[in-house]
Amino acid sequence: MAAAYLYEVQGINCMNCVNGIKNHLLKKNISRVHIDLAKGIVKVQTSNHSELEVKGFIQSLGYKTQIYHSEVK
């Protein structure tokens, strides 16, 4: 079963940022990604990676990332 994770991500300013994050996560086999550009919230569903691994993937792009909520339904 896939787990859902929410992250608060600082620095998401435009659709290029959104697409960059989505493409990077897709390369990590995470295809279920929703990004709220206005709020800077990234929601990810994955059964392949832990919450901390996904956080690290986003941070590797240069964004300050904090876990917002764990195991979101």
Protein backbone atom coordinates (compact mmCIF):
# COMPACT_ATOMS: atom_id res chain seq x y z
CA MET A 1 0.00 0.00 0.00
CA ALA A 2 1.29 3.43 -0.91
CA ALA A 3 1.93 5.96 1.81
CA ALA A 4 1.12 9.64 1.32
CA TYR A 5 3.44 12.34 2.60
CA LEU A 6 3.11 16.12 2.74
CA TYR A 7 6.01 18.57 2.66
CA GLU A 8 6.24 22.31 3.08
CA VAL A 9 8.73 23.46 0.45
CA GLN A 10 10.17 26.98 0.34
CA GLY A 11 11.15 28.50 -2.97
CA ILE A 12 8.51 27.08 -5.29
CA ASN A 13 7.79 30.25 -7.26
CA CYS A 14 6.63 29.19 -10.72
CA MET A 15 5.51 26.33 -12.94
CA ASN A 16 9.13 25.64 -13.89
CA CYS A 17 9.81 24.87 -10.22
CA VAL A 18 6.74 22.62 -10.07
CA ASN A 19 7.72 20.76 -13.24
CA GLY A 20 11.32 20.40 -12.08
CA ILE A 21 10.26 18.78 -8.81
CA LYS A 22 7.74 16.51 -10.56
CA ASN A 23 10.28 15.41 -13.18
CA HIS A 24 12.95 14.73 -10.55
CA LEU A 25 10.56 12.62 -8.47
CA LEU A 26 9.38 10.78 -11.58
CA LYS A 27 12.99 9.73 -12.20
CA LYS A 28 12.92 8.24 -8.68
CA ASN A 29 9.81 6.18 -9.63
CA ILE A 30 7.39 8.46 -7.80
CA SER A 31 4.57 9.20 -10.21
CA ARG A 32 1.87 10.45 -7.83
CA VAL A 33 2.86 14.02 -7.03
CA HIS A 34 0.60 17.02 -6.41
CA ILE A 35 2.11 20.46 -5.84
CA ASP A 36 0.13 23.43 -4.53
CA LEU A 37 2.14 26.31 -5.96
CA ALA A 38 0.34 29.00 -3.92
CA LYS A 39 0.91 27.27 -0.57
CA GLY A 40 4.25 25.62 -1.31
CA ILE A 41 2.90 22.19 -0.36
CA VAL A 42 4.03 18.99 -2.07
CA LYS A 43 1.97 15.81 -1.65
CA VAL A 44 3.56 12.53 -2.68
CA GLN A 45 2.21 8.98 -2.74
CA THR A 46 4.79 6.21 -2.91
CA SER A 47 5.36 2.67 -1.81
CA ASN A 48 9.00 2.71 -2.94
CA HIS A 49 10.53 5.38 -0.69
CA SER A 50 10.39 6.56 2.91
CA GLU A 51 9.27 10.00 4.02
CA LEU A 52 12.87 11.03 4.68
CA GLU A 53 14.09 9.74 1.32
CA VAL A 54 11.50 11.84 -0.54
CA LYS A 55 12.42 14.87 1.58
CA GLY A 56 16.04 14.35 0.55
CA PHE A 57 15.11 14.10 -3.13
CA ILE A 58 13.37 17.50 -2.97
CA GLN A 59 16.17 19.08 -0.94
CA SER A 60 18.74 17.87 -3.46
CA LEU A 61 17.16 20.34 -5.91
CA GLY A 62 18.01 23.21 -3.55
CA TYR A 63 14.64 23.67 -1.84
CA LYS A 64 14.30 24.01 1.93
CA THR A 65 11.90 21.20 2.79
CA GLN A 66 10.06 20.30 5.99
CA ILE A 67 7.78 17.36 6.65
CA TYR A 68 4.28 18.80 6.98
CA HIS A 69 2.24 15.72 7.94
CA SER A 70 2.96 12.00 7.88
CA GLU A 71 0.74 9.26 6.55
CA VAL A 72 -1.91 11.51 5.05
CA LYS A 73 -5.08 9.68 4.01
